[in-house]
Amino acid sequence: TSGDERQDFKYAWLDECFTWLNKLKKKHPKLILCG
């Protein structure tokens, strides 16, 4: 919400998080994500 730079950071974070969680699910199939 604070501008284009932070929105770009958010989109990059979401992409990184998605990739990371998919890898993590292979090692930890019982995964709970909250927040």
PDB file of all heavy atoms in Angstrom:
ATOM      1  N   THR A   1       0.791  -1.229   0.000  1.00  0.00           N
ATOM      2  CA  THR A   1       0.000   0.000   0.000  1.00  0.00           C
ATOM      3  C   THR A   1       0.824   1.281   0.000  1.00  0.00           C
ATOM      4  O   THR A   1       0.267   2.351  -0.194  1.00  0.00           O
ATOM      5  CB  THR A   1      -0.956   0.024   1.210  1.00  0.00           C
ATOM      6  OG1 THR A   1      -0.199  -0.088   2.397  1.00  0.00           O
ATOM      7  CG2 THR A   1      -1.975  -1.082   1.127  1.00  0.00           C
ATOM      8  N   SER A   2       2.119   1.188   0.219  1.00  0.00           N
ATOM      9  CA  SER A   2       2.891   2.432   0.338  1.00  0.00           C
ATOM     10  C   SER A   2       3.551   2.872  -0.971  1.00  0.00           C
ATOM     11  O   SER A   2       4.356   3.785  -0.970  1.00  0.00           O
ATOM     12  CB  SER A   2       3.938   2.296   1.440  1.00  0.00           C
ATOM     13  OG  SER A   2       4.854   1.274   1.126  1.00  0.00           O
ATOM     14  N   GLY A   3       3.207   2.219  -2.077  1.00  0.00           N
ATOM     15  CA  GLY A   3       3.741   2.678  -3.358  1.00  0.00           C
ATOM     16  C   GLY A   3       4.196   1.545  -4.254  1.00  0.00           C
ATOM     17  O   GLY A   3       4.205   0.377  -3.874  1.00  0.00           O
ATOM     18  N   ASP A   4       4.602   1.920  -5.449  1.00  0.00           N
ATOM     19  CA  ASP A   4       4.983   0.939  -6.466  1.00  0.00           C
ATOM     20  C   ASP A   4       6.167   0.077  -6.038  1.00  0.00           C
ATOM     21  O   ASP A   4       6.191  -1.126  -6.322  1.00  0.00           O
ATOM     22  CB  ASP A   4       5.314   1.642  -7.785  1.00  0.00           C
ATOM     23  CG  ASP A   4       4.084   2.236  -8.451  1.00  0.00           C
ATOM     24  OD1 ASP A   4       2.954   1.839  -8.091  1.00  0.00           O
ATOM     25  OD2 ASP A   4       4.257   3.108  -9.332  1.00  0.00           O
ATOM     26  N   GLU A   5       7.159   0.676  -5.382  1.00  0.00           N
ATOM     27  CA  GLU A   5       8.344  -0.087  -4.968  1.00  0.00           C
ATOM     28  C   GLU A   5       7.957  -1.212  -4.015  1.00  0.00           C
ATOM     29  O   GLU A   5       8.399  -2.346  -4.155  1.00  0.00           O
ATOM     30  CB  GLU A   5       9.366   0.844  -4.316  1.00  0.00           C
ATOM     31  CG  GLU A   5      10.665   0.152  -3.960  1.00  0.00           C
ATOM     32  CD  GLU A   5      11.680   1.115  -3.356  1.00  0.00           C
ATOM     33  OE1 GLU A   5      11.725   2.287  -3.763  1.00  0.00           O
ATOM     34  OE2 GLU A   5      12.415   0.666  -2.462  1.00  0.00           O
ATOM     35  N   ARG A   6       7.110  -0.906  -3.033  1.00  0.00           N
ATOM     36  CA  ARG A   6       6.682  -1.928  -2.078  1.00  0.00           C
ATOM     37  C   ARG A   6       5.736  -2.934  -2.728  1.00  0.00           C
ATOM     38  O   ARG A   6       5.730  -4.111  -2.370  1.00  0.00           O
ATOM     39  CB  ARG A   6       6.024  -1.304  -0.850  1.00  0.00           C
ATOM     40  CG  ARG A   6       6.995  -0.663   0.096  1.00  0.00           C
ATOM     41  CD  ARG A   6       8.109  -1.588   0.563  1.00  0.00           C
ATOM     42  NE  ARG A   6       7.652  -2.625   1.471  1.00  0.00           N
ATOM     43  CZ  ARG A   6       8.433  -3.530   2.027  1.00  0.00           C
ATOM     44  NH1 ARG A   6       9.729  -3.556   1.788  1.00  0.00           N
ATOM     45  NH2 ARG A   6       7.941  -4.429   2.833  1.00  0.00           N
ATOM     46  N   GLN A   7       4.938  -2.482  -3.693  1.00  0.00           N
ATOM     47  CA  GLN A   7       4.068  -3.424  -4.399  1.00  0.00           C
ATOM     48  C   GLN A   7       4.914  -4.404  -5.206  1.00  0.00           C
ATOM     49  O   GLN A   7       4.633  -5.598  -5.232  1.00  0.00           O
ATOM     50  CB  GLN A   7       3.083  -2.692  -5.302  1.00  0.00           C
ATOM     51  CG  GLN A   7       2.041  -3.597  -5.932  1.00  0.00           C
ATOM     52  CD  GLN A   7       1.130  -4.261  -4.912  1.00  0.00           C
ATOM     53  OE1 GLN A   7       0.801  -3.686  -3.890  1.00  0.00           O
ATOM     54  NE2 GLN A   7       0.729  -5.480  -5.188  1.00  0.00           N
ATOM     55  N   ASP A   8       5.983  -3.914  -5.856  1.00  0.00           N
ATOM     56  CA  ASP A   8       6.898  -4.792  -6.579  1.00  0.00           C
ATOM     57  C   ASP A   8       7.575  -5.771  -5.619  1.00  0.00           C
ATOM     58  O   ASP A   8       7.735  -6.956  -5.932  1.00  0.00           O
ATOM     59  CB  ASP A   8       7.958  -3.977  -7.324  1.00  0.00           C
ATOM     60  CG  ASP A   8       7.385  -3.197  -8.497  1.00  0.00           C
ATOM     61  OD1 ASP A   8       6.241  -3.504  -8.937  1.00  0.00           O
ATOM     62  OD2 ASP A   8       8.063  -2.260  -8.972  1.00  0.00           O
ATOM     63  N   PHE A   9       7.969  -5.272  -4.437  1.00  0.00           N
ATOM     64  CA  PHE A   9       8.571  -6.131  -3.417  1.00  0.00           C
ATOM     65  C   PHE A   9       7.574  -7.219  -2.998  1.00  0.00           C
ATOM     66  O   PHE A   9       7.931  -8.386  -2.857  1.00  0.00           O
ATOM     67  CB  PHE A   9       8.984  -5.295  -2.195  1.00  0.00           C
ATOM     68  CG  PHE A   9       9.549  -6.101  -1.058  1.00  0.00           C
ATOM     69  CD1 PHE A   9      10.879  -6.497  -1.064  1.00  0.00           C
ATOM     70  CD2 PHE A   9       8.748  -6.466   0.019  1.00  0.00           C
ATOM     71  CE1 PHE A   9      11.398  -7.243  -0.011  1.00  0.00           C
ATOM     72  CE2 PHE A   9       9.256  -7.215   1.071  1.00  0.00           C
ATOM     73  CZ  PHE A   9      10.591  -7.609   1.056  1.00  0.00           C
ATOM     74  N   LYS A  10       6.318  -6.823  -2.822  1.00  0.00           N
ATOM     75  CA  LYS A  10       5.293  -7.789  -2.422  1.00  0.00           C
ATOM     76  C   LYS A  10       5.133  -8.875  -3.478  1.00  0.00           C
ATOM     77  O   LYS A  10       5.076 -10.061  -3.153  1.00  0.00           O
ATOM     78  CB  LYS A  10       3.960  -7.080  -2.184  1.00  0.00           C
ATOM     79  CG  LYS A  10       2.845  -8.028  -1.813  1.00  0.00           C
ATOM     80  CD  LYS A  10       1.557  -7.303  -1.528  1.00  0.00           C
ATOM     81  CE  LYS A  10       0.504  -8.275  -1.059  1.00  0.00           C
ATOM     82  NZ  LYS A  10      -0.577  -7.617  -0.366  1.00  0.00           N
ATOM     83  N   TYR A  11       5.035  -8.487  -4.746  1.00  0.00           N
ATOM     84  CA  TYR A  11       4.879  -9.480  -5.814  1.00  0.00           C
ATOM     85  C   TYR A  11       6.081 -10.424  -5.861  1.00  0.00           C
ATOM     86  O   TYR A  11       5.919 -11.642  -6.021  1.00  0.00           O
ATOM     87  CB  TYR A  11       4.685  -8.798  -7.172  1.00  0.00           C
ATOM     88  CG  TYR A  11       3.318  -8.184  -7.353  1.00  0.00           C
ATOM     89  CD1 TYR A  11       3.183  -6.981  -8.039  1.00  0.00           C
ATOM     90  CD2 TYR A  11       2.159  -8.785  -6.864  1.00  0.00           C
ATOM     91  CE1 TYR A  11       1.939  -6.407  -8.228  1.00  0.00           C
ATOM     92  CE2 TYR A  11       0.922  -8.209  -7.046  1.00  0.00           C
ATOM     93  CZ  TYR A  11       0.811  -7.019  -7.737  1.00  0.00           C
ATOM     94  OH  TYR A  11      -0.418  -6.447  -7.928  1.00  0.00           O
ATOM     95  N   ALA A  12       7.285  -9.887  -5.720  1.00  0.00           N
ATOM     96  CA  ALA A  12       8.482 -10.734  -5.708  1.00  0.00           C
ATOM     97  C   ALA A  12       8.438 -11.674  -4.503  1.00  0.00           C
ATOM     98  O   ALA A  12       8.776 -12.857  -4.611  1.00  0.00           O
ATOM     99  CB  ALA A  12       9.746  -9.872  -5.687  1.00  0.00           C
ATOM    100  N   TRP A  13       8.021 -11.157  -3.348  1.00  0.00           N
ATOM    101  CA  TRP A  13       7.930 -11.965  -2.139  1.00  0.00           C
ATOM    102  C   TRP A  13       6.931 -13.099  -2.319  1.00  0.00           C
ATOM    103  O   TRP A  13       7.187 -14.244  -1.938  1.00  0.00           O
ATOM    104  CB  TRP A  13       7.519 -11.090  -0.951  1.00  0.00           C
ATOM    105  CG  TRP A  13       7.750 -11.722   0.378  1.00  0.00           C
ATOM    106  CD1 TRP A  13       8.862 -11.619   1.146  1.00  0.00           C
ATOM    107  CD2 TRP A  13       6.842 -12.547   1.122  1.00  0.00           C
ATOM    108  NE1 TRP A  13       8.706 -12.327   2.318  1.00  0.00           N
ATOM    109  CE2 TRP A  13       7.470 -12.912   2.323  1.00  0.00           C
ATOM    110  CE3 TRP A  13       5.553 -13.018   0.891  1.00  0.00           C
ATOM    111  CZ2 TRP A  13       6.866 -13.723   3.276  1.00  0.00           C
ATOM    112  CZ3 TRP A  13       4.948 -13.826   1.843  1.00  0.00           C
ATOM    113  CH2 TRP A  13       5.608 -14.159   3.016  1.00  0.00           C
ATOM    114  N   LEU A  14       5.783 -12.791  -2.912  1.00  0.00           N
ATOM    115  CA  LEU A  14       4.769 -13.816  -3.149  1.00  0.00           C
ATOM    116  C   LEU A  14       5.304 -14.917  -4.065  1.00  0.00           C
ATOM    117  O   LEU A  14       5.071 -16.103  -3.815  1.00  0.00           O
ATOM    118  CB  LEU A  14       3.500 -13.193  -3.738  1.00  0.00           C
ATOM    119  CG  LEU A  14       2.681 -12.323  -2.790  1.00  0.00           C
ATOM    120  CD1 LEU A  14       1.596 -11.567  -3.555  1.00  0.00           C
ATOM    121  CD2 LEU A  14       2.076 -13.142  -1.663  1.00  0.00           C
ATOM    122  N   ASP A  15       6.038 -14.534  -5.113  1.00  0.00           N
ATOM    123  CA  ASP A  15       6.633 -15.524  -6.014  1.00  0.00           C
ATOM    124  C   ASP A  15       7.651 -16.389  -5.278  1.00  0.00           C
ATOM    125  O   ASP A  15       7.654 -17.617  -5.415  1.00  0.00           O
ATOM    126  CB  ASP A  15       7.300 -14.846  -7.217  1.00  0.00           C
ATOM    127  CG  ASP A  15       6.292 -14.264  -8.199  1.00  0.00           C
ATOM    128  OD1 ASP A  15       5.103 -14.655  -8.161  1.00  0.00           O
ATOM    129  OD2 ASP A  15       6.703 -13.388  -8.999  1.00  0.00           O
ATOM    130  N   GLU A  16       8.535 -15.751  -4.497  1.00  0.00           N
ATOM    131  CA  GLU A  16       9.544 -16.491  -3.726  1.00  0.00           C
ATOM    132  C   GLU A  16       8.878 -17.426  -2.722  1.00  0.00           C
ATOM    133  O   GLU A  16       9.285 -18.574  -2.558  1.00  0.00           O
ATOM    134  CB  GLU A  16      10.456 -15.525  -2.967  1.00  0.00           C
ATOM    135  CG  GLU A  16      11.393 -14.734  -3.826  1.00  0.00           C
ATOM    136  CD  GLU A  16      12.124 -13.644  -3.047  1.00  0.00           C
ATOM    137  OE1 GLU A  16      11.852 -13.450  -1.835  1.00  0.00           O
ATOM    138  OE2 GLU A  16      12.978 -12.977  -3.645  1.00  0.00           O
ATOM    139  N   CYS A  17       7.859 -16.924  -2.051  1.00  0.00           N
ATOM    140  CA  CYS A  17       7.162 -17.700  -1.032  1.00  0.00           C
ATOM    141  C   CYS A  17       6.483 -18.920  -1.656  1.00  0.00           C
ATOM    142  O   CYS A  17       6.550 -20.028  -1.109  1.00  0.00           O
ATOM    143  CB  CYS A  17       6.150 -16.815  -0.310  1.00  0.00           C
ATOM    144  SG  CYS A  17       5.390 -17.595   1.124  1.00  0.00           S
ATOM    145  N   PHE A  18       5.843 -18.732  -2.782  1.00  0.00           N
ATOM    146  CA  PHE A  18       5.169 -19.829  -3.482  1.00  0.00           C
ATOM    147  C   PHE A  18       6.165 -20.933  -3.835  1.00  0.00           C
ATOM    148  O   PHE A  18       5.925 -22.114  -3.566  1.00  0.00           O
ATOM    149  CB  PHE A  18       4.475 -19.298  -4.736  1.00  0.00           C
ATOM    150  CG  PHE A  18       3.726 -20.340  -5.504  1.00  0.00           C
ATOM    151  CD1 PHE A  18       2.490 -20.793  -5.060  1.00  0.00           C
ATOM    152  CD2 PHE A  18       4.256 -20.867  -6.672  1.00  0.00           C
ATOM    153  CE1 PHE A  18       1.795 -21.762  -5.777  1.00  0.00           C
ATOM    154  CE2 PHE A  18       3.569 -21.832  -7.387  1.00  0.00           C
ATOM    155  CZ  PHE A  18       2.334 -22.286  -6.941  1.00  0.00           C
ATOM    156  N   THR A  19       7.293 -20.555  -4.410  1.00  0.00           N
ATOM    157  CA  THR A  19       8.331 -21.527  -4.779  1.00  0.00           C
ATOM    158  C   THR A  19       8.875 -22.225  -3.542  1.00  0.00           C
ATOM    159  O   THR A  19       9.020 -23.452  -3.512  1.00  0.00           O
ATOM    160  CB  THR A  19       9.471 -20.818  -5.548  1.00  0.00           C
ATOM    161  OG1 THR A  19       8.916 -20.205  -6.720  1.00  0.00           O
ATOM    162  CG2 THR A  19      10.564 -21.784  -5.940  1.00  0.00           C
ATOM    163  N   TRP A  20       9.182 -21.451  -2.507  1.00  0.00           N
ATOM    164  CA  TRP A  20       9.724 -21.995  -1.255  1.00  0.00           C
ATOM    165  C   TRP A  20       8.745 -22.972  -0.607  1.00  0.00           C
ATOM    166  O   TRP A  20       9.132 -24.064  -0.166  1.00  0.00           O
ATOM    167  CB  TRP A  20      10.063 -20.827  -0.324  1.00  0.00           C
ATOM    168  CG  TRP A  20      10.443 -21.202   1.060  1.00  0.00           C
ATOM    169  CD1 TRP A  20      11.588 -21.841   1.455  1.00  0.00           C
ATOM    170  CD2 TRP A  20       9.692 -20.945   2.241  1.00  0.00           C
ATOM    171  NE1 TRP A  20      11.579 -21.999   2.819  1.00  0.00           N
ATOM    172  CE2 TRP A  20      10.434 -21.459   3.327  1.00  0.00           C
ATOM    173  CE3 TRP A  20       8.478 -20.329   2.496  1.00  0.00           C
ATOM    174  CZ2 TRP A  20       9.989 -21.376   4.638  1.00  0.00           C
ATOM    175  CZ3 TRP A  20       8.034 -20.234   3.811  1.00  0.00           C
ATOM    176  CH2 TRP A  20       8.786 -20.757   4.857  1.00  0.00           C
ATOM    177  N   LEU A  21       7.462 -22.592  -0.531  1.00  0.00           N
ATOM    178  CA  LEU A  21       6.460 -23.467   0.088  1.00  0.00           C
ATOM    179  C   LEU A  21       6.288 -24.765  -0.689  1.00  0.00           C
ATOM    180  O   LEU A  21       6.127 -25.835  -0.088  1.00  0.00           O
ATOM    181  CB  LEU A  21       5.115 -22.752   0.217  1.00  0.00           C
ATOM    182  CG  LEU A  21       5.036 -21.674   1.285  1.00  0.00           C
ATOM    183  CD1 LEU A  21       3.735 -20.886   1.151  1.00  0.00           C
ATOM    184  CD2 LEU A  21       5.178 -22.259   2.677  1.00  0.00           C
ATOM    185  N   ASN A  22       6.323 -24.701  -2.002  1.00  0.00           N
ATOM    186  CA  ASN A  22       6.205 -25.926  -2.805  1.00  0.00           C
ATOM    187  C   ASN A  22       7.363 -26.881  -2.551  1.00  0.00           C
ATOM    188  O   ASN A  22       7.167 -28.090  -2.473  1.00  0.00           O
ATOM    189  CB  ASN A  22       6.071 -25.597  -4.291  1.00  0.00           C
ATOM    190  CG  ASN A  22       4.651 -25.210  -4.649  1.00  0.00           C
ATOM    191  OD1 ASN A  22       3.695 -25.742  -4.091  1.00  0.00           O
ATOM    192  ND2 ASN A  22       4.499 -24.277  -5.566  1.00  0.00           N
ATOM    193  N   LYS A  23       8.566 -26.344  -2.397  1.00  0.00           N
ATOM    194  CA  LYS A  23       9.725 -27.192  -2.056  1.00  0.00           C
ATOM    195  C   LYS A  23       9.577 -27.744  -0.646  1.00  0.00           C
ATOM    196  O   LYS A  23       9.851 -28.916  -0.396  1.00  0.00           O
ATOM    197  CB  LYS A  23      11.029 -26.392  -2.166  1.00  0.00           C
ATOM    198  CG  LYS A  23      11.471 -26.109  -3.562  1.00  0.00           C
ATOM    199  CD  LYS A  23      12.780 -25.329  -3.557  1.00  0.00           C
ATOM    200  CE  LYS A  23      13.145 -24.876  -4.945  1.00  0.00           C
ATOM    201  NZ  LYS A  23      14.338 -24.007  -4.936  1.00  0.00           N
ATOM    202  N   LEU A  24       9.142 -26.896   0.255  1.00  0.00           N
ATOM    203  CA  LEU A  24       9.012 -27.278   1.660  1.00  0.00           C
ATOM    204  C   LEU A  24       7.962 -28.377   1.852  1.00  0.00           C
ATOM    205  O   LEU A  24       8.138 -29.263   2.696  1.00  0.00           O
ATOM    206  CB  LEU A  24       8.657 -26.042   2.484  1.00  0.00           C
ATOM    207  CG  LEU A  24       8.892 -26.099   3.979  1.00  0.00           C
ATOM    208  CD1 LEU A  24      10.355 -26.398   4.311  1.00  0.00           C
ATOM    209  CD2 LEU A  24       8.478 -24.786   4.620  1.00  0.00           C
ATOM    210  N   LYS A  25       6.895 -28.341   1.066  1.00  0.00           N
ATOM    211  CA  LYS A  25       5.833 -29.350   1.176  1.00  0.00           C
ATOM    212  C   LYS A  25       6.348 -30.755   0.884  1.00  0.00           C
ATOM    213  O   LYS A  25       5.808 -31.727   1.403  1.00  0.00           O
ATOM    214  CB  LYS A  25       4.682 -29.026   0.221  1.00  0.00           C
ATOM    215  CG  LYS A  25       3.769 -27.956   0.726  1.00  0.00           C
ATOM    216  CD  LYS A  25       2.471 -27.847  -0.073  1.00  0.00           C
ATOM    217  CE  LYS A  25       2.689 -27.687  -1.540  1.00  0.00           C
ATOM    218  NZ  LYS A  25       1.466 -27.384  -2.298  1.00  0.00           N
ATOM    219  N   LYS A  26       7.380 -30.860   0.069  1.00  0.00           N
ATOM    220  CA  LYS A  26       7.945 -32.177  -0.242  1.00  0.00           C
ATOM    221  C   LYS A  26       8.622 -32.780   0.987  1.00  0.00           C
ATOM    222  O   LYS A  26       8.555 -33.977   1.219  1.00  0.00           O
ATOM    223  CB  LYS A  26       8.921 -32.068  -1.408  1.00  0.00           C
ATOM    224  CG  LYS A  26       8.237 -31.725  -2.708  1.00  0.00           C
ATOM    225  CD  LYS A  26       9.225 -31.499  -3.822  1.00  0.00           C
ATOM    226  CE  LYS A  26       8.463 -31.050  -5.067  1.00  0.00           C
ATOM    227  NZ  LYS A  26       9.339 -30.555  -6.093  1.00  0.00           N
ATOM    228  N   LYS A  27       9.250 -31.942   1.776  1.00  0.00           N
ATOM    229  CA  LYS A  27       9.935 -32.407   2.993  1.00  0.00           C
ATOM    230  C   LYS A  27       8.968 -32.474   4.186  1.00  0.00           C
ATOM    231  O   LYS A  27       9.114 -33.318   5.058  1.00  0.00           O
ATOM    232  CB  LYS A  27      11.096 -31.452   3.323  1.00  0.00           C
ATOM    233  CG  LYS A  27      11.942 -31.892   4.483  1.00  0.00           C
ATOM    234  CD  LYS A  27      13.126 -30.969   4.696  1.00  0.00           C
ATOM    235  CE  LYS A  27      13.942 -31.413   5.901  1.00  0.00           C
ATOM    236  NZ  LYS A  27      15.015 -30.488   6.213  1.00  0.00           N
ATOM    237  N   HIS A  28       8.006 -31.568   4.219  1.00  0.00           N
ATOM    238  CA  HIS A  28       7.043 -31.473   5.327  1.00  0.00           C
ATOM    239  C   HIS A  28       5.624 -31.479   4.759  1.00  0.00           C
ATOM    240  O   HIS A  28       4.993 -30.421   4.628  1.00  0.00           O
ATOM    241  CB  HIS A  28       7.260 -30.186   6.132  1.00  0.00           C
ATOM    242  CG  HIS A  28       8.613 -30.053   6.722  1.00  0.00           C
ATOM    243  ND1 HIS A  28       8.981 -30.680   7.890  1.00  0.00           N
ATOM    244  CD2 HIS A  28       9.712 -29.384   6.290  1.00  0.00           C
ATOM    245  CE1 HIS A  28      10.244 -30.387   8.170  1.00  0.00           C
ATOM    246  NE2 HIS A  28      10.702 -29.612   7.207  1.00  0.00           N
ATOM    247  N   PRO A  29       5.094 -32.663   4.426  1.00  0.00           N
ATOM    248  CA  PRO A  29       3.757 -32.694   3.828  1.00  0.00           C
ATOM    249  C   PRO A  29       2.650 -32.186   4.756  1.00  0.00           C
ATOM    250  O   PRO A  29       1.615 -31.719   4.286  1.00  0.00           O
ATOM    251  CB  PRO A  29       3.537 -34.160   3.462  1.00  0.00           C
ATOM    252  CG  PRO A  29       4.646 -34.927   4.063  1.00  0.00           C
ATOM    253  CD  PRO A  29       5.707 -33.980   4.497  1.00  0.00           C
ATOM    254  N   LYS A  30       2.870 -32.253   6.063  1.00  0.00           N
ATOM    255  CA  LYS A  30       1.883 -31.720   7.003  1.00  0.00           C
ATOM    256  C   LYS A  30       2.299 -30.298   7.364  1.00  0.00           C
ATOM    257  O   LYS A  30       2.913 -30.040   8.388  1.00  0.00           O
ATOM    258  CB  LYS A  30       1.784 -32.601   8.242  1.00  0.00           C
ATOM    259  CG  LYS A  30       1.196 -33.962   7.957  1.00  0.00           C
ATOM    260  CD  LYS A  30       1.044 -34.768   9.214  1.00  0.00           C
ATOM    261  CE  LYS A  30       0.433 -36.119   8.896  1.00  0.00           C
ATOM    262  NZ  LYS A  30       0.312 -36.931  10.110  1.00  0.00           N
ATOM    263  N   LEU A  31       1.938 -29.389   6.486  1.00  0.00           N
ATOM    264  CA  LEU A  31       2.359 -28.000   6.575  1.00  0.00           C
ATOM    265  C   LEU A  31       1.152 -27.122   6.911  1.00  0.00           C
ATOM    266  O   LEU A  31       0.100 -27.240   6.286  1.00  0.00           O
ATOM    267  CB  LEU A  31       2.942 -27.594   5.215  1.00  0.00           C
ATOM    268  CG  LEU A  31       3.687 -26.303   5.069  1.00  0.00           C
ATOM    269  CD1 LEU A  31       4.972 -26.316   5.878  1.00  0.00           C
ATOM    270  CD2 LEU A  31       4.023 -26.078   3.605  1.00  0.00           C
ATOM    271  N   ILE A  32       1.317 -26.277   7.915  1.00  0.00           N
ATOM    272  CA  ILE A  32       0.282 -25.308   8.260  1.00  0.00           C
ATOM    273  C   ILE A  32       0.876 -23.924   8.046  1.00  0.00           C
ATOM    274  O   ILE A  32       1.903 -23.600   8.637  1.00  0.00           O
ATOM    275  CB  ILE A  32      -0.172 -25.463   9.726  1.00  0.00           C
ATOM    276  CG1 ILE A  32      -0.769 -26.845   9.964  1.00  0.00           C
ATOM    277  CG2 ILE A  32      -1.172 -24.358  10.082  1.00  0.00           C
ATOM    278  CD1 ILE A  32      -1.040 -27.152  11.429  1.00  0.00           C
ATOM    279  N   LEU A  33       0.230 -23.124   7.210  1.00  0.00           N
ATOM    280  CA  LEU A  33       0.658 -21.748   6.960  1.00  0.00           C
ATOM    281  C   LEU A  33      -0.405 -20.823   7.525  1.00  0.00           C
ATOM    282  O   LEU A  33      -1.572 -20.899   7.153  1.00  0.00           O
ATOM    283  CB  LEU A  33       0.825 -21.493   5.462  1.00  0.00           C
ATOM    284  CG  LEU A  33       1.105 -20.047   5.049  1.00  0.00           C
ATOM    285  CD1 LEU A  33       2.457 -19.582   5.575  1.00  0.00           C
ATOM    286  CD2 LEU A  33       1.035 -19.905   3.536  1.00  0.00           C
ATOM    287  N   CYS A  34       0.009 -19.976   8.454  1.00  0.00           N
ATOM    288  CA  CYS A  34      -0.917 -18.985   8.978  1.00  0.00           C
ATOM    289  C   CYS A  34      -0.209 -17.642   9.014  1.00  0.00           C
ATOM    290  O   CYS A  34       0.999 -17.566   8.843  1.00  0.00           O
ATOM    291  CB  CYS A  34      -1.426 -19.375  10.365  1.00  0.00           C
ATOM    292  SG  CYS A  34      -0.188 -19.311  11.665  1.00  0.00           S
ATOM    293  N   GLY A  35      -0.984 -16.606   9.242  1.00  0.00           N
ATOM    294  CA  GLY A  35      -0.386 -15.282   9.330  1.00  0.00           C
ATOM    295  C   GLY A  35      -1.290 -14.221   8.754  1.00  0.00           C
ATOM    296  O   GLY A  35      -2.474 -14.437   8.522  1.00  0.00           O
TER     297      GLY A  35
END
